[in-house]
Amino acid sequence: MRFLRRAQPRWAPTESSLEWQDSTLAEIAWDKSRGAGRRWGIAGAVLGALVGLVAFAPASWLVQGLASATSQYVILADARGTVWDGNAVLLLTGGPGSRDASALPGRLKWNIGLHKLGLEIRASQDCCLNGQVALQVTPGWGRVKISLVPPAAGWVGQWPSSWLSGLGTPWNTLQLEGKVRLSSPGLSFESVQGRWLVTGQADMDLTDISSRLSTRRPMGSYHLSVTGDGGSNGGPALTLTTQTGALQLNGTGTWGVNGLSFRGEATSREEDQAALQNLLNIIGRRDGARSVISIG
């Protein structure tokens, strides 16, 4: 005689158990959403702080960057505003540890904005720049390019030659007077694998130059041209010529990987030799009536 085992009834959820499960799942979902919201809130706060930090970055950041890039020969003093829109007093100095410094009158003003895939720096200074001068900075893979936008008026800026005394020796001894004007149809510097390539041209006219070392005033007017190397290894070429004057300066050189290399000479008319004697002794090595200039 076979006995049939009575089947055990399966557990069936009650209404109260279903309510408990729904409540638990809702709490878990709420905790997850609250945690996600907290994380998003923190991320948003950090991102907002970074955007604010970049947008309102103090001008002192640009001061430090320029001083480092120029080995402290060019300084922005008393900087005000932000990296993107600010102003400062432009100084030339003799470098680290030097007490020599020379400032331009007025304040240099700048504004930095986006331009295509890079930045455009627009600068103005009432005393010295021809309107608003623009530099375009274009980064790339392992390179960065800085281009001077050709000004519509033809010349970029004009400075008193006395400003150079801030660079220290020998400029503080020469104590030059006169004007230096820069013009360019376009010039660019590109850093590629630690090497600078220069394309384009820049011309510098030194007009009615005088020195405290000479009683001949003015001594003359001169022209210095810089022609880009077009990507060659020689570096840009420099050519110095005399336009007019008692002191005759002529020479050529290059500005390459190893720095500046220049060879030239200074001479004077016979009737002006006495007035220019001290100057000729300082600016080069004397070889009879001429002074040989050798740099690098």
C-alpha atoms as a PDB file:
ATOM      1  CA  MET A   1       0.000   0.000   0.000  1.00  0.00           C
ATOM      2  CA  ARG A   2       1.570   3.220  -1.126  1.00  0.00           C
ATOM      3  CA  PHE A   3       1.391   6.388   0.895  1.00  0.00           C
ATOM      4  CA  LEU A   4       1.331   9.631  -0.947  1.00  0.00           C
ATOM      5  CA  ARG A   5       3.450  12.402   0.575  1.00  0.00           C
ATOM      6  CA  ARG A   6       1.462  15.466   1.031  1.00  0.00           C
ATOM      7  CA  ALA A   7       2.971  18.343  -0.924  1.00  0.00           C
ATOM      8  CA  GLN A   8       4.276  21.254   1.181  1.00  0.00           C
ATOM      9  CA  PRO A   9       2.669  24.507   0.238  1.00  0.00           C
ATOM     10  CA  ARG A  10       4.999  27.055  -1.334  1.00  0.00           C
ATOM     11  CA  TRP A  11       5.569  30.306   0.512  1.00  0.00           C
ATOM     12  CA  ALA A  12       3.522  33.097  -0.873  1.00  0.00           C
ATOM     13  CA  PRO A  13       4.427  36.699  -0.136  1.00  0.00           C
ATOM     14  CA  THR A  14       1.997  38.559   1.988  1.00  0.00           C
ATOM     15  CA  GLU A  15       0.929  42.095   1.429  1.00  0.00           C
ATOM     16  CA  SER A  16       3.078  43.317   4.307  1.00  0.00           C
ATOM     17  CA  SER A  17       6.221  41.611   2.964  1.00  0.00           C
ATOM     18  CA  LEU A  18       5.718  43.191  -0.444  1.00  0.00           C
ATOM     19  CA  GLU A  19       5.413  46.583   1.150  1.00  0.00           C
ATOM     20  CA  TRP A  20       8.666  45.997   3.087  1.00  0.00           C
ATOM     21  CA  GLN A  21      10.527  45.013  -0.105  1.00  0.00           C
ATOM     22  CA  ASP A  22       9.274  48.061  -1.987  1.00  0.00           C
ATOM     23  CA  SER A  23      10.316  50.286   0.882  1.00  0.00           C
ATOM     24  CA  THR A  24      13.804  48.757   1.018  1.00  0.00           C
ATOM     25  CA  LEU A  25      14.355  49.072  -2.732  1.00  0.00           C
ATOM     26  CA  ALA A  26      13.206  52.677  -2.635  1.00  0.00           C
ATOM     27  CA  GLU A  27      15.671  53.473   0.151  1.00  0.00           C
ATOM     28  CA  ILE A  28      18.518  51.826  -1.775  1.00  0.00           C
ATOM     29  CA  ALA A  29      17.626  53.759  -4.915  1.00  0.00           C
ATOM     30  CA  TRP A  30      17.423  56.979  -2.902  1.00  0.00           C
ATOM     31  CA  ASP A  31      20.835  56.360  -1.323  1.00  0.00           C
ATOM     32  CA  LYS A  32      22.356  55.704  -4.751  1.00  0.00           C
ATOM     33  CA  SER A  33      20.822  58.810  -6.289  1.00  0.00           C
ATOM     34  CA  ARG A  34      21.849  60.888  -3.296  1.00  0.00           C
ATOM     35  CA  GLY A  35      25.433  59.589  -3.572  1.00  0.00           C
ATOM     36  CA  ALA A  36      25.506  60.273  -7.313  1.00  0.00           C
ATOM     37  CA  GLY A  37      24.115  63.747  -6.731  1.00  0.00           C
ATOM     38  CA  ARG A  38      26.761  64.433  -4.112  1.00  0.00           C
ATOM     39  CA  ARG A  39      29.512  63.289  -6.489  1.00  0.00           C
ATOM     40  CA  TRP A  40      28.136  65.421  -9.307  1.00  0.00           C
ATOM     41  CA  GLY A  41      27.879  68.354  -6.932  1.00  0.00           C
ATOM     42  CA  ILE A  42      31.525  68.000  -5.899  1.00  0.00           C
ATOM     43  CA  ALA A  43      32.622  67.613  -9.532  1.00  0.00           C
ATOM     44  CA  GLY A  44      30.633  70.708 -10.488  1.00  0.00           C
ATOM     45  CA  ALA A  45      32.140  72.714  -7.643  1.00  0.00           C
ATOM     46  CA  VAL A  46      35.683  71.660  -8.613  1.00  0.00           C
ATOM     47  CA  LEU A  47      35.049  72.436 -12.290  1.00  0.00           C
ATOM     48  CA  GLY A  48      33.544  75.806 -11.394  1.00  0.00           C
ATOM     49  CA  ALA A  49      36.532  76.619  -9.206  1.00  0.00           C
ATOM     50  CA  LEU A  50      38.938  75.707 -12.013  1.00  0.00           C
ATOM     51  CA  VAL A  51      37.031  77.792 -14.544  1.00  0.00           C
ATOM     52  CA  GLY A  52      36.955  80.709 -12.109  1.00  0.00           C
ATOM     53  CA  LEU A  53      40.665  80.297 -11.371  1.00  0.00           C
ATOM     54  CA  VAL A  54      41.525  80.381 -15.073  1.00  0.00           C
ATOM     55  CA  ALA A  55      39.094  83.189 -15.896  1.00  0.00           C
ATOM     56  CA  PHE A  56      40.309  85.393 -13.050  1.00  0.00           C
ATOM     57  CA  ALA A  57      43.947  84.269 -12.954  1.00  0.00           C
ATOM     58  CA  PRO A  58      45.950  87.220 -11.578  1.00  0.00           C
ATOM     59  CA  ALA A  59      48.272  89.183 -13.848  1.00  0.00           C
ATOM     60  CA  SER A  60      51.168  88.116 -11.629  1.00  0.00           C
ATOM     61  CA  TRP A  61      51.061  84.720 -13.342  1.00  0.00           C
ATOM     62  CA  LEU A  62      51.947  86.390 -16.650  1.00  0.00           C
ATOM     63  CA  VAL A  63      54.651  88.402 -14.878  1.00  0.00           C
ATOM     64  CA  GLN A  64      56.331  85.225 -13.660  1.00  0.00           C
ATOM     65  CA  GLY A  65      56.052  83.552 -17.061  1.00  0.00           C
ATOM     66  CA  LEU A  66      57.604  86.468 -18.962  1.00  0.00           C
ATOM     67  CA  ALA A  67      60.406  86.882 -16.437  1.00  0.00           C
ATOM     68  CA  SER A  68      61.247  83.184 -16.679  1.00  0.00           C
ATOM     69  CA  ALA A  69      61.115  83.143 -20.499  1.00  0.00           C
ATOM     70  CA  THR A  70      63.441  86.176 -20.788  1.00  0.00           C
ATOM     71  CA  SER A  71      65.814  85.207 -17.963  1.00  0.00           C
ATOM     72  CA  GLN A  72      64.525  88.245 -16.054  1.00  0.00           C
ATOM     73  CA  TYR A  73      65.719  90.728 -18.677  1.00  0.00           C
ATOM     74  CA  VAL A  74      62.111  91.821 -19.344  1.00  0.00           C
ATOM     75  CA  ILE A  75      59.900  92.472 -16.323  1.00  0.00           C
ATOM     76  CA  LEU A  76      56.276  93.512 -15.916  1.00  0.00           C
ATOM     77  CA  ALA A  77      56.217  95.643 -12.759  1.00  0.00           C
ATOM     78  CA  ASP A  78      53.178  96.732 -10.746  1.00  0.00           C
ATOM     79  CA  ALA A  79      50.947  94.356 -12.728  1.00  0.00           C
ATOM     80  CA  ARG A  80      47.192  94.854 -12.369  1.00  0.00           C
ATOM     81  CA  GLY A  81      44.157  92.966 -13.604  1.00  0.00           C
ATOM     82  CA  THR A  82      44.191  89.377 -14.833  1.00  0.00           C
ATOM     83  CA  VAL A  83      46.234  87.243 -17.192  1.00  0.00           C
ATOM     84  CA  TRP A  84      43.548  87.861 -19.825  1.00  0.00           C
ATOM     85  CA  ASP A  85      43.067  91.596 -19.395  1.00  0.00           C
ATOM     86  CA  GLY A  86      45.661  93.611 -17.508  1.00  0.00           C
ATOM     87  CA  ASN A  87      48.332  96.274 -17.526  1.00  0.00           C
ATOM     88  CA  ALA A  88      51.810  96.835 -16.086  1.00  0.00           C
ATOM     89  CA  VAL A  89      54.978  98.931 -16.281  1.00  0.00           C
ATOM     90  CA  LEU A  90      57.455  97.442 -18.771  1.00  0.00           C
ATOM     91  CA  LEU A  91      61.053  97.208 -17.531  1.00  0.00           C
ATOM     92  CA  LEU A  92      64.372  96.184 -19.028  1.00  0.00           C
ATOM     93  CA  THR A  93      66.874  94.854 -16.497  1.00  0.00           C
ATOM     94  CA  GLY A  94      70.381  93.462 -16.441  1.00  0.00           C
ATOM     95  CA  GLY A  95      69.156  89.993 -15.498  1.00  0.00           C
ATOM     96  CA  PRO A  96      69.270  88.052 -12.217  1.00  0.00           C
ATOM     97  CA  GLY A  97      71.048  89.946  -9.451  1.00  0.00           C
ATOM     98  CA  SER A  98      71.410  93.139 -11.485  1.00  0.00           C
ATOM     99  CA  ARG A  99      70.524  96.515 -10.013  1.00  0.00           C
ATOM    100  CA  ASP A 100      70.112  98.100 -13.441  1.00  0.00           C
ATOM    101  CA  ALA A 101      66.560  98.725 -14.604  1.00  0.00           C
ATOM    102  CA  SER A 102      64.884 101.114 -17.001  1.00  0.00           C
ATOM    103  CA  ALA A 103      61.132 101.681 -17.377  1.00  0.00           C
ATOM    104  CA  LEU A 104      59.073 103.004 -20.257  1.00  0.00           C
ATOM    105  CA  PRO A 105      56.644 105.851 -19.536  1.00  0.00           C
ATOM    106  CA  GLY A 106      53.013 104.918 -19.091  1.00  0.00           C
ATOM    107  CA  ARG A 107      51.620 101.416 -18.824  1.00  0.00           C
ATOM    108  CA  LEU A 108      51.575  98.475 -21.210  1.00  0.00           C
ATOM    109  CA  LYS A 109      48.017  97.157 -21.629  1.00  0.00           C
ATOM    110  CA  TRP A 110      47.147  93.708 -22.920  1.00  0.00           C
ATOM    111  CA  ASN A 111      44.154  91.566 -23.750  1.00  0.00           C
ATOM    112  CA  ILE A 112      44.293  87.841 -24.504  1.00  0.00           C
ATOM    113  CA  GLY A 113      41.543  86.021 -26.397  1.00  0.00           C
ATOM    114  CA  LEU A 114      40.964  82.852 -28.394  1.00  0.00           C
ATOM    115  CA  HIS A 115      42.007  82.769 -32.050  1.00  0.00           C
ATOM    116  CA  LYS A 116      41.273  79.662 -34.129  1.00  0.00           C
ATOM    117  CA  LEU A 117      43.192  76.876 -32.350  1.00  0.00           C
ATOM    118  CA  GLY A 118      45.351  79.201 -30.280  1.00  0.00           C
ATOM    119  CA  LEU A 119      45.486  82.567 -28.560  1.00  0.00           C
ATOM    120  CA  GLU A 120      45.864  86.147 -29.710  1.00  0.00           C
ATOM    121  CA  ILE A 121      47.620  88.697 -27.512  1.00  0.00           C
ATOM    122  CA  ARG A 122      46.727  92.316 -28.254  1.00  0.00           C
ATOM    123  CA  ALA A 123      48.932  94.968 -26.654  1.00  0.00           C
ATOM    124  CA  SER A 124      48.959  98.760 -26.632  1.00  0.00           C
ATOM    125  CA  GLN A 125      51.072 101.470 -25.030  1.00  0.00           C
ATOM    126  CA  ASP A 126      50.556 105.148 -25.724  1.00  0.00           C
ATOM    127  CA  CYS A 127      54.230 106.059 -25.633  1.00  0.00           C
ATOM    128  CA  CYS A 128      55.631 103.394 -27.852  1.00  0.00           C
ATOM    129  CA  LEU A 129      53.311 101.047 -29.774  1.00  0.00           C
ATOM    130  CA  ASN A 130      51.628 101.947 -33.039  1.00  0.00           C
ATOM    131  CA  GLY A 131      48.000 101.403 -32.075  1.00  0.00           C
ATOM    132  CA  GLN A 132      47.220  97.839 -31.043  1.00  0.00           C
ATOM    133  CA  VAL A 133      49.892  95.227 -31.806  1.00  0.00           C
ATOM    134  CA  ALA A 134      48.828  91.580 -32.068  1.00  0.00           C
ATOM    135  CA  LEU A 135      50.741  88.356 -31.453  1.00  0.00           C
ATOM    136  CA  GLN A 136      49.196  84.988 -32.313  1.00  0.00           C
ATOM    137  CA  VAL A 137      50.260  81.913 -30.330  1.00  0.00           C
ATOM    138  CA  THR A 138      49.478  78.574 -31.995  1.00  0.00           C
ATOM    139  CA  PRO A 139      50.349  75.370 -30.110  1.00  0.00           C
ATOM    140  CA  GLY A 140      51.002  72.070 -31.863  1.00  0.00           C
ATOM    141  CA  TRP A 141      52.286  68.583 -31.243  1.00  0.00           C
ATOM    142  CA  GLY A 142      55.728  69.172 -29.734  1.00  0.00           C
ATOM    143  CA  ARG A 143      55.852  72.758 -31.016  1.00  0.00           C
ATOM    144  CA  VAL A 144      54.510  76.248 -30.502  1.00  0.00           C
ATOM    145  CA  LYS A 145      54.428  79.128 -32.976  1.00  0.00           C
ATOM    146  CA  ILE A 146      54.407  82.856 -32.146  1.00  0.00           C
ATOM    147  CA  SER A 147      53.540  85.179 -35.035  1.00  0.00           C
ATOM    148  CA  LEU A 148      53.577  88.959 -35.225  1.00  0.00           C
ATOM    149  CA  VAL A 149      50.534  90.189 -37.133  1.00  0.00           C
ATOM    150  CA  PRO A 150      51.720  92.794 -39.680  1.00  0.00           C
ATOM    151  CA  PRO A 151      50.426  96.226 -38.594  1.00  0.00           C
ATOM    152  CA  ALA A 152      48.319  98.196 -41.053  1.00  0.00           C
ATOM    153  CA  ALA A 153      50.381 101.352 -40.535  1.00  0.00           C
ATOM    154  CA  GLY A 154      53.675  99.673 -41.431  1.00  0.00           C
ATOM    155  CA  TRP A 155      55.630 100.122 -38.205  1.00  0.00           C
ATOM    156  CA  VAL A 156      55.201  98.253 -34.942  1.00  0.00           C
ATOM    157  CA  GLY A 157      56.700 100.427 -32.249  1.00  0.00           C
ATOM    158  CA  GLN A 158      59.122 103.195 -31.393  1.00  0.00           C
ATOM    159  CA  TRP A 159      61.205 103.415 -28.218  1.00  0.00           C
ATOM    160  CA  PRO A 160      63.816 105.774 -26.755  1.00  0.00           C
ATOM    161  CA  SER A 161      67.277 104.254 -27.095  1.00  0.00           C
ATOM    162  CA  SER A 162      67.960 105.326 -23.492  1.00  0.00           C
ATOM    163  CA  TRP A 163      65.670 102.441 -22.457  1.00  0.00           C
ATOM    164  CA  LEU A 164      68.512 100.044 -23.334  1.00  0.00           C
ATOM    165  CA  SER A 165      70.533 101.305 -20.357  1.00  0.00           C
ATOM    166  CA  GLY A 166      68.416  99.018 -18.185  1.00  0.00           C
ATOM    167  CA  LEU A 167      70.213  96.016 -19.698  1.00  0.00           C
ATOM    168  CA  GLY A 168      73.398  96.919 -17.814  1.00  0.00           C
ATOM    169  CA  THR A 169      76.885  96.715 -19.330  1.00  0.00           C
ATOM    170  CA  PRO A 170      77.752  98.121 -21.858  1.00  0.00           C
ATOM    171  CA  TRP A 171      74.473  99.965 -22.406  1.00  0.00           C
ATOM    172  CA  ASN A 172      74.574 101.769 -19.055  1.00  0.00           C
ATOM    173  CA  THR A 173      78.044 103.039 -19.958  1.00  0.00           C
ATOM    174  CA  LEU A 174      77.101 104.167 -23.472  1.00  0.00           C
ATOM    175  CA  GLN A 175      73.976 106.030 -22.249  1.00  0.00           C
ATOM    176  CA  LEU A 176      72.501 106.238 -25.728  1.00  0.00           C
ATOM    177  CA  GLU A 177      70.043 108.876 -26.880  1.00  0.00           C
ATOM    178  CA  GLY A 178      67.852 108.806 -29.959  1.00  0.00           C
ATOM    179  CA  LYS A 179      64.993 106.665 -31.228  1.00  0.00           C
ATOM    180  CA  VAL A 180      64.613 103.012 -32.196  1.00  0.00           C
ATOM    181  CA  ARG A 181      61.745 102.140 -34.546  1.00  0.00           C
ATOM    182  CA  LEU A 182      60.687  98.569 -35.378  1.00  0.00           C
ATOM    183  CA  SER A 183      58.816  97.643 -38.554  1.00  0.00           C
ATOM    184  CA  SER A 184      57.951  94.272 -40.048  1.00  0.00           C
ATOM    185  CA  PRO A 185      55.914  92.826 -42.934  1.00  0.00           C
ATOM    186  CA  GLY A 186      55.481  89.694 -40.805  1.00  0.00           C
ATOM    187  CA  LEU A 187      57.654  87.684 -38.437  1.00  0.00           C
ATOM    188  CA  SER A 188      57.187  84.348 -36.682  1.00  0.00           C
ATOM    189  CA  PHE A 189      59.120  82.257 -34.167  1.00  0.00           C
ATOM    190  CA  GLU A 190      58.445  78.525 -33.944  1.00  0.00           C
ATOM    191  CA  SER A 191      59.847  76.231 -31.261  1.00  0.00           C
ATOM    192  CA  VAL A 192      60.425  72.721 -32.644  1.00  0.00           C
ATOM    193  CA  GLN A 193      62.137  70.090 -30.491  1.00  0.00           C
ATOM    194  CA  GLY A 194      63.887  72.726 -28.396  1.00  0.00           C
ATOM    195  CA  ARG A 195      65.076  74.728 -31.416  1.00  0.00           C
ATOM    196  CA  TRP A 196      63.698  78.069 -32.598  1.00  0.00           C
ATOM    197  CA  LEU A 197      62.957  78.596 -36.287  1.00  0.00           C
ATOM    198  CA  VAL A 198      62.453  82.136 -37.560  1.00  0.00           C
ATOM    199  CA  THR A 199      60.607  83.154 -40.719  1.00  0.00           C
ATOM    200  CA  GLY A 200      59.845  86.602 -42.085  1.00  0.00           C
ATOM    201  CA  GLN A 201      61.719  89.837 -41.535  1.00  0.00           C
ATOM    202  CA  ALA A 202      62.063  92.698 -39.078  1.00  0.00           C
ATOM    203  CA  ASP A 203      63.788  96.054 -39.583  1.00  0.00           C
ATOM    204  CA  MET A 204      65.093  98.359 -36.896  1.00  0.00           C
ATOM    205  CA  ASP A 205      65.956 101.984 -37.599  1.00  0.00           C
ATOM    206  CA  LEU A 206      68.153 103.746 -35.042  1.00  0.00           C
ATOM    207  CA  THR A 207      67.760 107.451 -35.669  1.00  0.00           C
ATOM    208  CA  ASP A 208      69.934 110.361 -34.456  1.00  0.00           C
ATOM    209  CA  ILE A 209      71.911 108.221 -32.006  1.00  0.00           C
ATOM    210  CA  SER A 210      74.146 109.965 -29.471  1.00  0.00           C
ATOM    211  CA  SER A 211      76.213 108.804 -26.480  1.00  0.00           C
ATOM    212  CA  ARG A 212      77.548 110.504 -23.382  1.00  0.00           C
ATOM    213  CA  LEU A 213      80.989 109.150 -24.395  1.00  0.00           C
ATOM    214  CA  SER A 214      81.131 111.442 -27.416  1.00  0.00           C
ATOM    215  CA  THR A 215      80.804 115.167 -27.946  1.00  0.00           C
ATOM    216  CA  ARG A 216      79.644 114.515 -31.525  1.00  0.00           C
ATOM    217  CA  ARG A 217      75.837 114.811 -31.412  1.00  0.00           C
ATOM    218  CA  PRO A 218      74.277 113.031 -33.103  1.00  0.00           C
ATOM    219  CA  MET A 219      76.798 110.391 -34.107  1.00  0.00           C
ATOM    220  CA  GLY A 220      74.627 108.932 -36.860  1.00  0.00           C
ATOM    221  CA  SER A 221      71.592 106.905 -37.941  1.00  0.00           C
ATOM    222  CA  TYR A 222      71.683 103.164 -38.564  1.00  0.00           C
ATOM    223  CA  HIS A 223      69.632 100.284 -39.919  1.00  0.00           C
ATOM    224  CA  LEU A 224      69.543  96.732 -38.511  1.00  0.00           C
ATOM    225  CA  SER A 225      67.657  94.029 -40.409  1.00  0.00           C
ATOM    226  CA  VAL A 226      66.773  90.530 -39.217  1.00  0.00           C
ATOM    227  CA  THR A 227      65.902  88.004 -41.929  1.00  0.00           C
ATOM    228  CA  GLY A 228      64.445  84.625 -41.008  1.00  0.00           C
ATOM    229  CA  ASP A 229      66.295  81.419 -41.758  1.00  0.00           C
ATOM    230  CA  GLY A 230      63.239  79.747 -43.313  1.00  0.00           C
ATOM    231  CA  GLY A 231      63.806  76.596 -41.283  1.00  0.00           C
ATOM    232  CA  SER A 232      67.534  76.173 -41.972  1.00  0.00           C
ATOM    233  CA  ASN A 233      70.079  75.445 -39.266  1.00  0.00           C
ATOM    234  CA  GLY A 234      71.972  78.684 -39.692  1.00  0.00           C
ATOM    235  CA  GLY A 235      69.553  80.893 -37.804  1.00  0.00           C
ATOM    236  CA  PRO A 236      68.240  84.292 -38.879  1.00  0.00           C
ATOM    237  CA  ALA A 237      70.705  86.669 -40.519  1.00  0.00           C
ATOM    238  CA  LEU A 238      71.536  90.100 -39.099  1.00  0.00           C
ATOM    239  CA  THR A 239      72.818  93.019 -41.168  1.00  0.00           C
ATOM    240  CA  LEU A 240      73.907  96.376 -39.714  1.00  0.00           C
ATOM    241  CA  THR A 241      74.480  99.368 -42.010  1.00  0.00           C
ATOM    242  CA  THR A 242      75.047 103.097 -41.553  1.00  0.00           C
ATOM    243  CA  GLN A 243      72.513 105.486 -43.038  1.00  0.00           C
ATOM    244  CA  THR A 244      74.365 108.685 -42.218  1.00  0.00           C
ATOM    245  CA  GLY A 245      76.712 110.126 -39.599  1.00  0.00           C
ATOM    246  CA  ALA A 246      80.247 110.551 -38.303  1.00  0.00           C
ATOM    247  CA  LEU A 247      80.386 107.095 -36.714  1.00  0.00           C
ATOM    248  CA  GLN A 248      80.266 104.369 -39.370  1.00  0.00           C
ATOM    249  CA  LEU A 249      78.913 100.983 -38.181  1.00  0.00           C
ATOM    250  CA  ASN A 250      78.716  97.946 -40.449  1.00  0.00           C
ATOM    251  CA  GLY A 251      78.559  94.212 -39.875  1.00  0.00           C
ATOM    252  CA  THR A 252      76.765  90.906 -40.356  1.00  0.00           C
ATOM    253  CA  GLY A 253      75.887  87.977 -38.132  1.00  0.00           C
ATOM    254  CA  THR A 254      73.486  85.200 -37.259  1.00  0.00           C
ATOM    255  CA  TRP A 255      71.318  84.330 -34.308  1.00  0.00           C
ATOM    256  CA  GLY A 256      71.460  80.552 -34.050  1.00  0.00           C
ATOM    257  CA  VAL A 257      71.357  77.670 -31.592  1.00  0.00           C
ATOM    258  CA  ASN A 258      74.554  78.841 -29.914  1.00  0.00           C
ATOM    259  CA  GLY A 259      73.305  82.392 -29.496  1.00  0.00           C
ATOM    260  CA  LEU A 260      74.304  85.598 -31.244  1.00  0.00           C
ATOM    261  CA  SER A 261      77.301  85.672 -33.556  1.00  0.00           C
ATOM    262  CA  PHE A 262      78.235  89.030 -35.059  1.00  0.00           C
ATOM    263  CA  ARG A 263      81.284  90.473 -36.828  1.00  0.00           C
ATOM    264  CA  GLY A 264      81.592  94.106 -37.789  1.00  0.00           C
ATOM    265  CA  GLU A 265      83.607  97.275 -37.496  1.00  0.00           C
ATOM    266  CA  ALA A 266      83.283 100.875 -36.427  1.00  0.00           C
ATOM    267  CA  THR A 267      85.166 103.706 -38.094  1.00  0.00           C
ATOM    268  CA  SER A 268      84.972 107.469 -38.176  1.00  0.00           C
ATOM    269  CA  ARG A 269      85.892 110.327 -40.420  1.00  0.00           C
ATOM    270  CA  GLU A 270      89.321 111.781 -39.715  1.00  0.00           C
ATOM    271  CA  GLU A 271      87.906 115.091 -38.493  1.00  0.00           C
ATOM    272  CA  ASP A 272      85.683 113.249 -35.980  1.00  0.00           C
ATOM    273  CA  GLN A 273      88.242 110.815 -34.535  1.00  0.00           C
ATOM    274  CA  ALA A 274      89.009 112.945 -31.470  1.00  0.00           C
ATOM    275  CA  ALA A 275      85.304 113.259 -30.600  1.00  0.00           C
ATOM    276  CA  LEU A 276      84.684 109.516 -31.038  1.00  0.00           C
ATOM    277  CA  GLN A 277      87.935 108.173 -29.560  1.00  0.00           C
ATOM    278  CA  ASN A 278      86.479 106.980 -26.219  1.00  0.00           C
ATOM    279  CA  LEU A 279      83.518 105.351 -27.901  1.00  0.00           C
ATOM    280  CA  LEU A 280      85.680 103.480 -30.419  1.00  0.00           C
ATOM    281  CA  ASN A 281      87.820 102.141 -27.566  1.00  0.00           C
ATOM    282  CA  ILE A 282      84.784 100.668 -25.794  1.00  0.00           C
ATOM    283  CA  ILE A 283      82.618  99.174 -28.531  1.00  0.00           C
ATOM    284  CA  GLY A 284      85.339  96.939 -29.994  1.00  0.00           C
ATOM    285  CA  ARG A 285      89.005  95.969 -30.274  1.00  0.00           C
ATOM    286  CA  ARG A 286      91.097  98.739 -31.737  1.00  0.00           C
ATOM    287  CA  ASP A 287      92.926  98.002 -34.977  1.00  0.00           C
ATOM    288  CA  GLY A 288      94.470 101.234 -36.057  1.00  0.00           C
ATOM    289  CA  ALA A 289      91.770 103.783 -36.874  1.00  0.00           C
ATOM    290  CA  ARG A 290      88.973 101.229 -36.766  1.00  0.00           C
ATOM    291  CA  SER A 291      87.348  99.262 -33.953  1.00  0.00           C
ATOM    292  CA  VAL A 292      86.631  95.562 -34.593  1.00  0.00           C
ATOM    293  CA  ILE A 293      83.317  94.323 -33.178  1.00  0.00           C
ATOM    294  CA  SER A 294      83.141  90.611 -32.365  1.00  0.00           C
ATOM    295  CA  ILE A 295      80.235  88.971 -30.511  1.00  0.00           C
ATOM    296  CA  GLY A 296      79.918  85.224 -30.032  1.00  0.00           C
END
